[in-house]
Amino acid sequence: MKRSALYLAIVFYLLAAFPGQAPVSAKDTWTSVRSKNFLQGGTAGHSDG
C-alpha cells in the first residue's frame, strides 16, 4: 500500500511540475468577402478548396 501511495505522489508531483503544453500562438491569415447583405470570413486559402 505504501508503494502505490508513493507512485501516486510522484505522478502528482510530476504533473504539477510540468503542467503540459505551453501556450502557442499561431498566425492565421483571414480572408473576408462582403456583399450588400452577407459577410463571409475564413482562414481557408485558394489551395484549401
PDB file of N, CA and C in Angstrom:
ATOM      1  N   MET A   1       0.818  -1.195   0.000  1.00  0.00           N
ATOM      2  CA  MET A   1       0.000   0.000   0.000  1.00  0.00           C
ATOM      3  C   MET A   1       0.860   1.256   0.000  1.00  0.00           C
ATOM      4  N   LYS A   2       1.941   1.259   0.738  1.00  0.00           N
ATOM      5  CA  LYS A   2       2.809   2.431   0.790  1.00  0.00           C
ATOM      6  C   LYS A   2       3.466   2.681  -0.559  1.00  0.00           C
ATOM      7  N   ARG A   3       3.779   1.592  -1.276  1.00  0.00           N
ATOM      8  CA  ARG A   3       4.434   1.738  -2.577  1.00  0.00           C
ATOM      9  C   ARG A   3       3.501   2.408  -3.582  1.00  0.00           C
ATOM     10  N   SER A   4       2.217   2.034  -3.597  1.00  0.00           N
ATOM     11  CA  SER A   4       1.280   2.650  -4.530  1.00  0.00           C
ATOM     12  C   SER A   4       1.043   4.120  -4.166  1.00  0.00           C
ATOM     13  N   ALA A   5       1.050   4.442  -2.880  1.00  0.00           N
ATOM     14  CA  ALA A   5       0.897   5.836  -2.461  1.00  0.00           C
ATOM     15  C   ALA A   5       2.112   6.651  -2.892  1.00  0.00           C
ATOM     16  N   LEU A   6       3.292   6.044  -2.845  1.00  0.00           N
ATOM     17  CA  LEU A   6       4.498   6.735  -3.283  1.00  0.00           C
ATOM     18  C   LEU A   6       4.438   6.986  -4.787  1.00  0.00           C
ATOM     19  N   TYR A   7       4.028   5.995  -5.567  1.00  0.00           N
ATOM     20  CA  TYR A   7       3.905   6.175  -7.015  1.00  0.00           C
ATOM     21  C   TYR A   7       2.889   7.266  -7.337  1.00  0.00           C
ATOM     22  N   LEU A   8       1.787   7.270  -6.636  1.00  0.00           N
ATOM     23  CA  LEU A   8       0.757   8.270  -6.854  1.00  0.00           C
ATOM     24  C   LEU A   8       1.280   9.667  -6.526  1.00  0.00           C
ATOM     25  N   ALA A   9       2.036   9.778  -5.453  1.00  0.00           N
ATOM     26  CA  ALA A   9       2.609  11.066  -5.070  1.00  0.00           C
ATOM     27  C   ALA A   9       3.608  11.546  -6.125  1.00  0.00           C
ATOM     28  N   ILE A  10       4.399  10.635  -6.668  1.00  0.00           N
ATOM     29  CA  ILE A  10       5.359  11.005  -7.710  1.00  0.00           C
ATOM     30  C   ILE A  10       4.636  11.481  -8.962  1.00  0.00           C
ATOM     31  N   VAL A  11       3.581  10.794  -9.341  1.00  0.00           N
ATOM     32  CA  VAL A  11       2.809  11.197 -10.530  1.00  0.00           C
ATOM     33  C   VAL A  11       2.221  12.584 -10.325  1.00  0.00           C
ATOM     34  N   PHE A  12       1.612  12.849  -9.174  1.00  0.00           N
ATOM     35  CA  PHE A  12       1.042  14.169  -8.924  1.00  0.00           C
ATOM     36  C   PHE A  12       2.127  15.251  -8.898  1.00  0.00           C
ATOM     37  N   TYR A  13       3.279  14.927  -8.372  1.00  0.00           N
ATOM     38  CA  TYR A  13       4.379  15.883  -8.358  1.00  0.00           C
ATOM     39  C   TYR A  13       4.818  16.219  -9.773  1.00  0.00           C
ATOM     40  N   LEU A  14       4.963  15.203 -10.614  1.00  0.00           N
ATOM     41  CA  LEU A  14       5.387  15.450 -11.994  1.00  0.00           C
ATOM     42  C   LEU A  14       4.337  16.241 -12.768  1.00  0.00           C
ATOM     43  N   LEU A  15       3.069  15.965 -12.526  1.00  0.00           N
ATOM     44  CA  LEU A  15       2.015  16.724 -13.197  1.00  0.00           C
ATOM     45  C   LEU A  15       2.010  18.187 -12.755  1.00  0.00           C
ATOM     46  N   ALA A  16       2.326  18.425 -11.500  1.00  0.00           N
ATOM     47  CA  ALA A  16       2.367  19.802 -11.006  1.00  0.00           C
ATOM     48  C   ALA A  16       3.616  20.529 -11.499  1.00  0.00           C
ATOM     49  N   ALA A  17       4.726  19.804 -11.596  1.00  0.00           N
ATOM     50  CA  ALA A  17       5.981  20.428 -12.016  1.00  0.00           C
ATOM     51  C   ALA A  17       5.995  20.710 -13.516  1.00  0.00           C
ATOM     52  N   PHE A  18       5.365  19.847 -14.305  1.00  0.00           N
ATOM     53  CA  PHE A  18       5.333  20.003 -15.754  1.00  0.00           C
ATOM     54  C   PHE A  18       3.867  19.972 -16.194  1.00  0.00           C
ATOM     55  N   PRO A  19       3.178  21.110 -16.142  1.00  0.00           N
ATOM     56  CA  PRO A  19       1.728  21.109 -16.315  1.00  0.00           C
ATOM     57  C   PRO A  19       1.224  20.794 -17.716  1.00  0.00           C
ATOM     58  N   GLY A  20       2.069  20.698 -18.696  1.00  0.00           N
ATOM     59  CA  GLY A  20       1.580  20.340 -20.024  1.00  0.00           C
ATOM     60  C   GLY A  20       2.149  21.251 -21.087  1.00  0.00           C
ATOM     61  N   GLN A  21       1.382  21.424 -22.112  1.00  0.00           N
ATOM     62  CA  GLN A  21       1.839  22.199 -23.250  1.00  0.00           C
ATOM     63  C   GLN A  21       1.836  23.683 -22.932  1.00  0.00           C
ATOM     64  N   ALA A  22       2.829  24.359 -23.458  1.00  0.00           N
ATOM     65  CA  ALA A  22       2.891  25.807 -23.324  1.00  0.00           C
ATOM     66  C   ALA A  22       1.935  26.431 -24.336  1.00  0.00           C
ATOM     67  N   PRO A  23       1.415  27.603 -24.031  1.00  0.00           N
ATOM     68  CA  PRO A  23       0.517  28.260 -24.977  1.00  0.00           C
ATOM     69  C   PRO A  23       1.237  28.547 -26.295  1.00  0.00           C
ATOM     70  N   VAL A  24       0.529  28.320 -27.371  1.00  0.00           N
ATOM     71  CA  VAL A  24       1.105  28.519 -28.701  1.00  0.00           C
ATOM     72  C   VAL A  24       0.262  29.549 -29.427  1.00  0.00           C
ATOM     73  N   SER A  25       0.918  30.504 -30.012  1.00  0.00           N
ATOM     74  CA  SER A  25       0.178  31.482 -30.807  1.00  0.00           C
ATOM     75  C   SER A  25       0.503  31.242 -32.275  1.00  0.00           C
ATOM     76  N   ALA A  26      -0.529  31.021 -33.054  1.00  0.00           N
ATOM     77  CA  ALA A  26      -0.360  30.752 -34.477  1.00  0.00           C
ATOM     78  C   ALA A  26      -0.847  31.959 -35.270  1.00  0.00           C
ATOM     79  N   LYS A  27      -0.159  32.249 -36.327  1.00  0.00           N
ATOM     80  CA  LYS A  27      -0.540  33.361 -37.199  1.00  0.00           C
ATOM     81  C   LYS A  27      -1.472  32.837 -38.268  1.00  0.00           C
ATOM     82  N   ASP A  28      -2.722  33.316 -38.254  1.00  0.00           N
ATOM     83  CA  ASP A  28      -3.696  32.944 -39.267  1.00  0.00           C
ATOM     84  C   ASP A  28      -3.925  34.124 -40.188  1.00  0.00           C
ATOM     85  N   THR A  29      -4.069  33.836 -41.457  1.00  0.00           N
ATOM     86  CA  THR A  29      -4.409  34.869 -42.430  1.00  0.00           C
ATOM     87  C   THR A  29      -5.889  34.745 -42.746  1.00  0.00           C
ATOM     88  N   TRP A  30      -6.655  35.737 -42.347  1.00  0.00           N
ATOM     89  CA  TRP A  30      -8.100  35.722 -42.539  1.00  0.00           C
ATOM     90  C   TRP A  30      -8.445  36.449 -43.826  1.00  0.00           C
ATOM     91  N   THR A  31      -9.403  35.897 -44.535  1.00  0.00           N
ATOM     92  CA  THR A  31      -9.923  36.496 -45.760  1.00  0.00           C
ATOM     93  C   THR A  31     -11.411  36.725 -45.571  1.00  0.00           C
ATOM     94  N   SER A  32     -11.897  37.874 -46.023  1.00  0.00           N
ATOM     95  CA  SER A  32     -13.332  38.134 -45.915  1.00  0.00           C
ATOM     96  C   SER A  32     -13.870  38.633 -47.249  1.00  0.00           C
ATOM     97  N   VAL A  33     -15.112  38.277 -47.512  1.00  0.00           N
ATOM     98  CA  VAL A  33     -15.826  38.714 -48.704  1.00  0.00           C
ATOM     99  C   VAL A  33     -17.137  39.324 -48.234  1.00  0.00           C
ATOM    100  N   ARG A  34     -17.419  40.549 -48.679  1.00  0.00           N
ATOM    101  CA  ARG A  34     -18.618  41.253 -48.240  1.00  0.00           C
ATOM    102  C   ARG A  34     -19.456  41.649 -49.452  1.00  0.00           C
ATOM    103  N   SER A  35     -20.756  41.411 -49.334  1.00  0.00           N
ATOM    104  CA  SER A  35     -21.716  41.904 -50.314  1.00  0.00           C
ATOM    105  C   SER A  35     -22.731  42.771 -49.577  1.00  0.00           C
ATOM    106  N   LYS A  36     -23.792  43.159 -50.228  1.00  0.00           N
ATOM    107  CA  LYS A  36     -24.768  44.050 -49.616  1.00  0.00           C
ATOM    108  C   LYS A  36     -25.409  43.430 -48.369  1.00  0.00           C
ATOM    109  N   ASN A  37     -25.737  42.142 -48.413  1.00  0.00           N
ATOM    110  CA  ASN A  37     -26.464  41.506 -47.311  1.00  0.00           C
ATOM    111  C   ASN A  37     -25.712  40.347 -46.669  1.00  0.00           C
ATOM    112  N   PHE A  38     -24.441  40.203 -46.943  1.00  0.00           N
ATOM    113  CA  PHE A  38     -23.755  38.999 -46.492  1.00  0.00           C
ATOM    114  C   PHE A  38     -22.284  39.296 -46.243  1.00  0.00           C
ATOM    115  N   LEU A  39     -21.732  38.667 -45.209  1.00  0.00           N
ATOM    116  CA  LEU A  39     -20.301  38.758 -44.926  1.00  0.00           C
ATOM    117  C   LEU A  39     -19.780  37.353 -44.673  1.00  0.00           C
ATOM    118  N   GLN A  40     -18.799  36.947 -45.443  1.00  0.00           N
ATOM    119  CA  GLN A  40     -18.181  35.631 -45.285  1.00  0.00           C
ATOM    120  C   GLN A  40     -16.725  35.834 -44.899  1.00  0.00           C
ATOM    121  N   GLY A  41     -16.294  35.166 -43.852  1.00  0.00           N
ATOM    122  CA  GLY A  41     -14.900  35.248 -43.428  1.00  0.00           C
ATOM    123  C   GLY A  41     -14.375  33.867 -43.137  1.00  0.00           C
ATOM    124  N   GLY A  42     -13.072  33.683 -43.337  1.00  0.00           N
ATOM    125  CA  GLY A  42     -12.483  32.373 -43.056  1.00  0.00           C
ATOM    126  C   GLY A  42     -10.992  32.380 -43.234  1.00  0.00           C
ATOM    127  N   THR A  43     -10.387  31.256 -42.882  1.00  0.00           N
ATOM    128  CA  THR A  43      -8.940  31.123 -42.985  1.00  0.00           C
ATOM    129  C   THR A  43      -8.513  30.218 -44.116  1.00  0.00           C
ATOM    130  N   ALA A  44      -9.469  29.635 -44.843  1.00  0.00           N
ATOM    131  CA  ALA A  44      -9.131  28.731 -45.945  1.00  0.00           C
ATOM    132  C   ALA A  44      -8.616  29.540 -47.111  1.00  0.00           C
ATOM    133  N   GLY A  45      -7.508  29.099 -47.667  1.00  0.00           N
ATOM    134  CA  GLY A  45      -6.946  29.754 -48.841  1.00  0.00           C
ATOM    135  C   GLY A  45      -7.452  29.102 -50.122  1.00  0.00           C
ATOM    136  N   HIS A  46      -6.948  29.587 -51.222  1.00  0.00           N
ATOM    137  CA  HIS A  46      -7.366  29.071 -52.523  1.00  0.00           C
ATOM    138  C   HIS A  46      -7.007  27.592 -52.670  1.00  0.00           C
ATOM    139  N   SER A  47      -5.858  27.194 -52.154  1.00  0.00           N
ATOM    140  CA  SER A  47      -5.418  25.795 -52.291  1.00  0.00           C
ATOM    141  C   SER A  47      -6.150  24.848 -51.353  1.00  0.00           C
ATOM    142  N   ASP A  48      -6.842  25.367 -50.320  1.00  0.00           N
ATOM    143  CA  ASP A  48      -7.561  24.513 -49.380  1.00  0.00           C
ATOM    144  C   ASP A  48      -8.884  24.020 -49.938  1.00  0.00           C
ATOM    145  N   GLY A  49      -9.381  24.690 -50.960  1.00  0.00           N
ATOM    146  CA  GLY A  49     -10.581  24.321 -51.692  1.00  0.00           C
ATOM    147  C   GLY A  49     -11.629  23.796 -50.865  1.00  0.00           C
TER     148      GLY A  49
END
